[in-house]
Amino acid sequence: MDRITKVIMENEKKDKVYKGVLVGLGAVLLVVAGMYFMEHKENKRYIGEITTEKLELENELKLLSQDYDSLQTSNDTLNVQLKMEQEKITELLDRMRVFRNNSYAEINKYKRELGTLKGVLRDYIVQIDSLNTRNQLLTAENLKVKKQINWVKERNEKLQESSENMKEVISKASALDLVNLTCEPINKKGRTVKKISKTVKLKSSFTIQKNITATTGLKEIFVRLTRPDEVVLGNPQNLLFDFENTKLVYSAKRDIDFEGDALEVSIFWDNDGSLISGEYKVDVFAEGNHIGNSNFLLK
C-alpha cells in the first residue's frame, strides 16, 4: 500500500469519526433541547397555576372583606375588633399584589392566613348572632315591661279618676243645701215694710235641708247682698270669706249648729243708709260652697 493510499484511508477514517461525533452531539443537543422544552412547558404551567391560585385568593379576600362589612352590631368592642380584621385583609391583599416569588410555599402561606381570617369571621358571626338574639329578647322583654307599666299607669289613672269622682260625689253629697230662700225689708218691730225709708234691716230666711252625710257641728253661713248697680252691701268691719281660691266681701253671717236635720235660719243685715230702689240679689255660702240664691225688689 503506497503512502498516498494510506493517507486517504486515514482521512476517511477520521471523517467517519467526525461524523460519528457530530451525530452524537446532535443527538445530545436534541435530548437537551427536548428536556429544555419540557421543563419550560412545565414551568409555564406551574407559574400559570400559581397565578390562577393567587387571583382566586385575592377574590376570596375581597369577598371576605365584604362579609366583614356586612356584619352589623351595636357593640363598640366588637366593632373595633371587626375593623382590625378588615385591616388585616387589606394588608394581606397589598402583600399579594406585589408577590413575585412563584412558590407554592408562599401561596400556601397566604391560604393559611385566609383560612384563619375565615375562622375568625365565623366566630364573630356566632357572637353577633348571639348578641342580636339577646338584644331581641331584651327588646321584647322591655316592650312587655313597658306594656305592663302602661297598663298599671292607666289603671292607676282610672283609679285616681274614679277616686276623684267619688270624692266629688261625696263632697257634693255632704255639702249643705237650702230651700225657700227669701229676703225682705223689716222695720225696728220686725215687721215687713215696703219702703226703703222705713227699712231698718234686711232679713234673709231659708231652710237648711236635712243631710245625714254632711259633717255635724258649728258652721258659718255667709249672706251676700248685691244692689241693682252691682255694689255689694258690706259688713261694718269689711271682713271677707274664702270662695273658690279667692276672697269675697259678705254682707252678714251667722254661725249655726248643724246636727244633720232640717234647720230654719234667718240672717239680718243692718241698714247703713246705702239702700237704693231696684232689684237686689241675695247669695248664700257655706263651707266654701255657693248653696243658694234669689232676687227681691226694694222701692
Protein backbone atom coordinates (compact mmCIF):
# COMPACT_ATOMS: atom_id res chain seq x y z
CA MET A 1 0.00 0.00 0.00
CA ASP A 2 1.59 3.23 -1.08
CA ARG A 3 1.78 6.31 1.07
CA ILE A 4 -0.98 8.19 -0.74
CA THR A 5 -3.47 5.40 -0.31
CA LYS A 6 -2.64 5.17 3.36
CA VAL A 7 -3.25 8.87 3.85
CA ILE A 8 -6.57 8.66 2.05
CA MET A 9 -7.69 5.77 4.24
CA GLU A 10 -6.68 7.60 7.39
CA ASN A 11 -8.62 10.71 6.28
CA GLU A 12 -11.72 8.63 5.54
CA LYS A 13 -11.40 7.06 8.97
CA LYS A 14 -11.15 10.48 10.57
CA ASP A 15 -14.19 11.68 8.61
CA LYS A 16 -16.18 8.76 9.94
CA VAL A 17 -15.09 9.61 13.48
CA TYR A 18 -16.01 13.26 12.99
CA LYS A 19 -19.35 12.28 11.55
CA GLY A 20 -19.98 9.95 14.48
CA VAL A 21 -19.09 12.72 16.93
CA LEU A 22 -21.34 15.17 15.12
CA VAL A 23 -24.21 12.68 15.09
CA GLY A 24 -23.67 12.04 18.81
CA LEU A 25 -23.55 15.77 19.58
CA GLY A 26 -26.68 16.30 17.51
CA ALA A 27 -28.45 13.57 19.43
CA VAL A 28 -27.33 15.11 22.74
CA LEU A 29 -28.49 18.52 21.59
CA LEU A 30 -31.84 17.10 20.62
CA VAL A 31 -32.18 15.48 24.01
CA VAL A 32 -31.12 18.66 25.78
CA ALA A 33 -33.46 20.75 23.63
CA GLY A 34 -36.30 18.35 24.35
CA MET A 35 -35.61 18.47 28.05
CA TYR A 36 -35.43 22.27 27.97
CA PHE A 37 -38.70 22.47 26.07
CA MET A 38 -40.41 20.10 28.50
CA GLU A 39 -39.04 21.98 31.52
CA HIS A 40 -40.06 25.32 30.05
CA LYS A 41 -43.53 23.97 29.34
CA GLU A 42 -43.81 22.55 32.88
CA ASN A 43 -42.52 25.75 34.40
CA LYS A 44 -45.03 27.79 32.39
CA ARG A 45 -47.83 25.50 33.57
CA TYR A 46 -46.52 25.78 37.15
CA ILE A 47 -46.46 29.60 37.00
CA GLY A 48 -49.93 29.63 35.42
CA GLU A 49 -51.33 27.51 38.25
CA ILE A 50 -49.75 29.73 40.91
CA THR A 51 -51.04 32.87 39.16
CA THR A 52 -54.53 31.36 38.99
CA GLU A 53 -54.45 30.44 42.69
CA LYS A 54 -53.16 33.92 43.51
CA LEU A 55 -56.10 35.54 41.68
CA GLU A 56 -58.53 33.18 43.38
CA LEU A 57 -57.05 34.06 46.76
CA GLU A 58 -57.37 37.79 46.00
CA ASN A 59 -61.03 37.32 45.02
CA GLU A 60 -61.70 35.33 48.18
CA LEU A 61 -60.09 38.07 50.26
CA LYS A 62 -62.25 40.72 48.59
CA LEU A 63 -65.39 38.65 49.24
CA LEU A 64 -64.27 38.10 52.83
CA SER A 65 -63.82 41.85 53.25
CA GLN A 66 -67.40 42.36 52.02
CA ASP A 67 -68.59 39.75 54.52
CA TYR A 68 -66.91 41.70 57.33
CA ASP A 69 -68.53 44.92 56.05
CA SER A 70 -71.96 43.29 56.16
CA LEU A 71 -71.69 42.44 59.87
CA GLN A 72 -73.84 44.80 61.94
CA THR A 73 -73.57 45.17 65.72
CA SER A 74 -74.22 47.82 68.35
CA ASN A 75 -71.33 46.52 70.46
CA ASP A 76 -68.44 49.02 70.29
CA THR A 77 -65.82 46.44 71.32
CA LEU A 78 -66.86 44.05 68.54
CA ASN A 79 -66.86 46.91 66.02
CA VAL A 80 -63.24 47.73 66.91
CA GLN A 81 -62.23 44.08 66.53
CA LEU A 82 -64.01 43.79 63.18
CA LYS A 83 -62.19 46.86 61.93
CA MET A 84 -58.85 45.31 62.94
CA GLU A 85 -59.67 42.15 60.98
CA GLN A 86 -60.57 44.21 57.91
CA GLU A 87 -57.22 45.98 58.18
CA LYS A 88 -55.52 42.54 58.18
CA ILE A 89 -57.36 41.64 54.96
CA THR A 90 -56.26 44.91 53.33
CA GLU A 91 -52.65 44.32 54.40
CA LEU A 92 -52.71 40.74 53.04
CA LEU A 93 -54.12 41.93 49.70
CA ASP A 94 -51.37 44.54 49.43
CA ARG A 95 -48.73 41.87 50.04
CA MET A 96 -50.23 39.54 47.43
CA ARG A 97 -50.34 42.27 44.77
CA VAL A 98 -46.56 42.74 44.98
CA PHE A 99 -45.92 38.97 45.33
CA ARG A 100 -43.33 37.83 42.75
CA ASN A 101 -41.99 34.62 44.29
CA ASN A 102 -43.70 31.92 42.23
CA SER A 103 -43.70 29.45 45.08
CA TYR A 104 -46.42 27.13 46.27
CA ALA A 105 -44.98 27.55 49.76
CA GLU A 106 -45.79 31.27 49.63
CA ILE A 107 -49.24 30.58 48.16
CA ASN A 108 -49.90 28.04 50.91
CA LYS A 109 -48.84 30.62 53.48
CA TYR A 110 -51.47 33.05 52.14
CA LYS A 111 -54.04 30.26 52.11
CA ARG A 112 -53.40 29.60 55.81
CA GLU A 113 -53.79 33.29 56.62
CA LEU A 114 -57.03 33.37 54.60
CA GLY A 115 -58.28 30.30 56.47
CA THR A 116 -57.52 31.99 59.80
CA LEU A 117 -59.46 35.12 58.75
CA LYS A 118 -62.41 32.95 57.69
CA GLY A 119 -62.38 31.15 61.04
CA VAL A 120 -62.33 34.46 62.90
CA LEU A 121 -65.25 35.64 60.75
CA ARG A 122 -67.29 32.56 61.70
CA ASP A 123 -66.58 33.24 65.38
CA TYR A 124 -67.72 36.85 65.01
CA ILE A 125 -70.88 35.76 63.19
CA VAL A 126 -71.70 33.44 66.11
CA GLN A 127 -71.01 36.23 68.64
CA ILE A 128 -73.06 38.81 66.75
CA ASP A 129 -75.97 36.37 66.22
CA SER A 130 -75.91 35.60 69.93
CA LEU A 131 -75.73 39.30 70.78
CA ASN A 132 -78.55 40.17 68.37
CA THR A 133 -80.66 37.34 69.79
CA ARG A 134 -80.11 38.65 73.32
CA ASN A 135 -80.91 42.18 72.17
CA GLN A 136 -84.12 40.96 70.54
CA LEU A 137 -85.07 39.13 73.73
CA LEU A 138 -84.28 42.23 75.79
CA THR A 139 -86.26 44.41 73.38
CA ALA A 140 -89.22 42.04 73.60
CA GLU A 141 -88.91 41.95 77.38
CA ASN A 142 -88.68 45.76 77.52
CA LEU A 143 -91.79 46.05 75.36
CA LYS A 144 -93.59 43.63 77.66
CA VAL A 145 -92.49 45.56 80.75
CA LYS A 146 -93.42 48.85 79.08
CA LYS A 147 -96.89 47.49 78.29
CA GLN A 148 -97.25 46.34 81.89
CA ILE A 149 -96.11 49.74 83.15
CA ASN A 150 -98.55 51.49 80.81
CA TRP A 151 -101.32 49.15 81.96
CA VAL A 152 -100.54 49.87 85.60
CA LYS A 153 -100.30 53.59 84.85
CA GLU A 154 -103.64 53.61 83.04
CA ARG A 155 -105.18 51.55 85.82
CA ASN A 156 -103.84 53.96 88.44
CA GLU A 157 -105.09 56.94 86.43
CA LYS A 158 -108.52 55.34 86.19
CA LEU A 159 -108.46 54.57 89.91
CA GLN A 160 -107.32 58.12 90.61
CA GLU A 161 -110.04 59.49 88.36
CA SER A 162 -112.57 57.19 89.98
CA SER A 163 -111.33 58.24 93.41
CA GLU A 164 -111.55 61.92 92.49
CA ASN A 165 -115.02 61.41 91.06
CA MET A 166 -116.00 59.60 94.23
CA LYS A 167 -114.58 62.41 96.33
CA GLU A 168 -116.52 64.90 94.23
CA VAL A 169 -119.69 62.88 94.62
CA ILE A 170 -119.12 62.58 98.37
CA SER A 171 -118.25 66.27 98.58
CA LYS A 172 -121.42 67.22 96.72
CA ALA A 173 -123.48 64.81 98.79
CA SER A 174 -122.08 66.19 102.04
CA ALA A 175 -122.48 69.85 101.04
CA LEU A 176 -125.24 71.83 102.70
CA ASP A 177 -128.22 72.80 100.61
CA LEU A 178 -131.08 75.17 101.22
CA VAL A 179 -134.64 75.81 100.08
CA ASN A 180 -137.16 78.62 100.31
CA LEU A 181 -134.64 81.46 100.23
CA THR A 182 -136.22 84.90 100.65
CA CYS A 183 -135.04 88.36 101.60
CA GLU A 184 -137.36 91.14 102.81
CA PRO A 185 -137.04 94.58 104.40
CA ILE A 186 -138.29 94.91 108.02
CA ASN A 187 -138.75 97.78 110.49
CA LYS A 188 -137.49 98.00 114.02
CA LYS A 189 -140.51 95.92 115.21
CA GLY A 190 -139.57 93.12 112.86
CA ARG A 191 -142.48 93.68 110.53
CA THR A 192 -142.19 93.59 106.76
CA VAL A 193 -142.30 97.03 105.15
CA LYS A 194 -142.48 98.21 101.55
CA LYS A 195 -140.47 101.42 101.60
CA ILE A 196 -136.71 101.86 101.88
CA SER A 197 -137.24 104.80 104.20
CA LYS A 198 -138.83 102.54 106.80
CA THR A 199 -136.35 99.71 106.39
CA VAL A 200 -134.13 99.01 109.41
CA LYS A 201 -132.84 95.59 108.42
CA LEU A 202 -132.84 93.16 105.51
CA LYS A 203 -133.90 89.68 106.69
CA SER A 204 -132.67 86.66 104.67
CA SER A 205 -134.56 83.47 105.54
CA PHE A 206 -134.16 79.88 104.31
CA THR A 207 -134.20 76.26 105.38
CA ILE A 208 -131.02 74.15 105.51
CA GLN A 209 -132.13 70.75 104.24
CA LYS A 210 -131.62 67.51 106.09
CA ASN A 211 -128.32 65.84 105.18
CA ILE A 212 -127.06 62.76 107.02
CA THR A 213 -123.81 62.66 105.00
CA ALA A 214 -122.74 66.17 105.99
CA THR A 215 -120.46 66.67 108.95
CA THR A 216 -122.21 67.98 112.04
CA GLY A 217 -121.17 70.80 114.30
CA LEU A 218 -120.64 74.54 114.13
CA LYS A 219 -120.82 76.04 110.63
CA GLU A 220 -120.52 79.58 109.26
CA ILE A 221 -123.24 80.80 106.90
CA PHE A 222 -122.49 83.90 104.79
CA VAL A 223 -125.06 86.13 103.06
CA ARG A 224 -124.00 88.40 100.21
CA LEU A 225 -126.46 91.13 99.16
CA THR A 226 -125.91 92.90 95.83
CA ARG A 227 -127.61 96.17 94.85
CA PRO A 228 -129.08 96.81 91.39
CA ASP A 229 -125.86 98.69 90.46
CA GLU A 230 -123.74 95.59 91.34
CA VAL A 231 -122.45 97.12 94.58
CA VAL A 232 -122.26 94.59 97.42
CA LEU A 233 -123.69 95.66 100.73
CA GLY A 234 -120.78 95.23 103.12
CA ASN A 235 -120.38 94.45 106.80
CA PRO A 236 -119.18 97.05 109.36
CA GLN A 237 -115.69 95.53 109.59
CA ASN A 238 -115.38 94.89 105.81
CA LEU A 239 -114.49 91.27 106.55
CA LEU A 240 -114.03 88.69 103.77
CA PHE A 241 -114.63 84.95 103.32
CA ASP A 242 -112.96 82.29 101.13
CA PHE A 243 -114.63 81.07 97.97
CA GLU A 244 -113.01 79.22 95.03
CA ASN A 245 -109.42 80.37 95.66
CA THR A 246 -110.42 83.97 96.21
CA LYS A 247 -111.81 86.19 98.94
CA LEU A 248 -115.18 87.91 98.76
CA VAL A 249 -116.85 90.55 100.89
CA TYR A 250 -120.04 89.45 102.61
CA SER A 251 -123.00 91.41 103.95
CA ALA A 252 -123.79 89.34 107.05
CA LYS A 253 -123.02 85.96 108.57
CA ARG A 254 -124.27 83.59 111.25
CA ASP A 255 -122.88 80.54 113.00
CA ILE A 256 -125.23 77.58 113.19
CA ASP A 257 -125.01 74.24 115.00
CA PHE A 258 -125.95 71.69 112.35
CA GLU A 259 -126.88 68.18 113.52
CA GLY A 260 -127.96 66.76 110.17
CA ASP A 261 -131.66 67.62 110.44
CA ALA A 262 -133.52 70.40 108.59
CA LEU A 263 -132.85 73.77 110.18
CA GLU A 264 -134.62 77.13 109.80
CA VAL A 265 -132.15 80.03 109.53
CA SER A 266 -132.54 83.82 109.43
CA ILE A 267 -129.67 86.25 108.92
CA PHE A 268 -130.01 90.03 109.31
CA TRP A 269 -128.17 92.91 107.66
CA ASP A 270 -128.41 96.33 109.40
CA ASN A 271 -129.35 99.18 107.07
CA ASP A 272 -126.41 101.61 106.88
CA GLY A 273 -128.20 104.03 104.59
CA SER A 274 -126.78 102.60 101.35
CA LEU A 275 -130.02 101.07 100.06
CA ILE A 276 -131.38 102.18 96.69
CA SER A 277 -134.51 101.13 94.86
CA GLY A 278 -134.46 98.30 92.37
CA GLU A 279 -133.92 94.55 92.13
CA TYR A 280 -131.44 93.00 94.57
CA LYS A 281 -129.70 89.65 94.55
CA VAL A 282 -129.05 87.51 97.61
CA ASP A 283 -126.45 84.69 97.62
CA VAL A 284 -125.78 82.25 100.46
CA PHE A 285 -122.45 80.44 101.04
CA ALA A 286 -121.33 77.73 103.46
CA GLU A 287 -118.06 75.78 103.77
CA GLY A 288 -116.70 77.26 100.54
CA ASN A 289 -119.83 76.33 98.55
CA HIS A 290 -122.50 78.50 96.96
CA ILE A 291 -125.63 76.88 98.34
CA GLY A 292 -128.43 79.18 97.09
CA ASN A 293 -129.50 82.47 95.56
CA SER A 294 -132.63 84.55 94.98
CA ASN A 295 -133.84 88.01 93.93
CA PHE A 296 -136.01 90.61 95.63
CA LEU A 297 -137.29 94.19 95.00
CA LEU A 298 -136.91 97.34 97.08
CA LYS A 299 -138.89 100.54 96.39
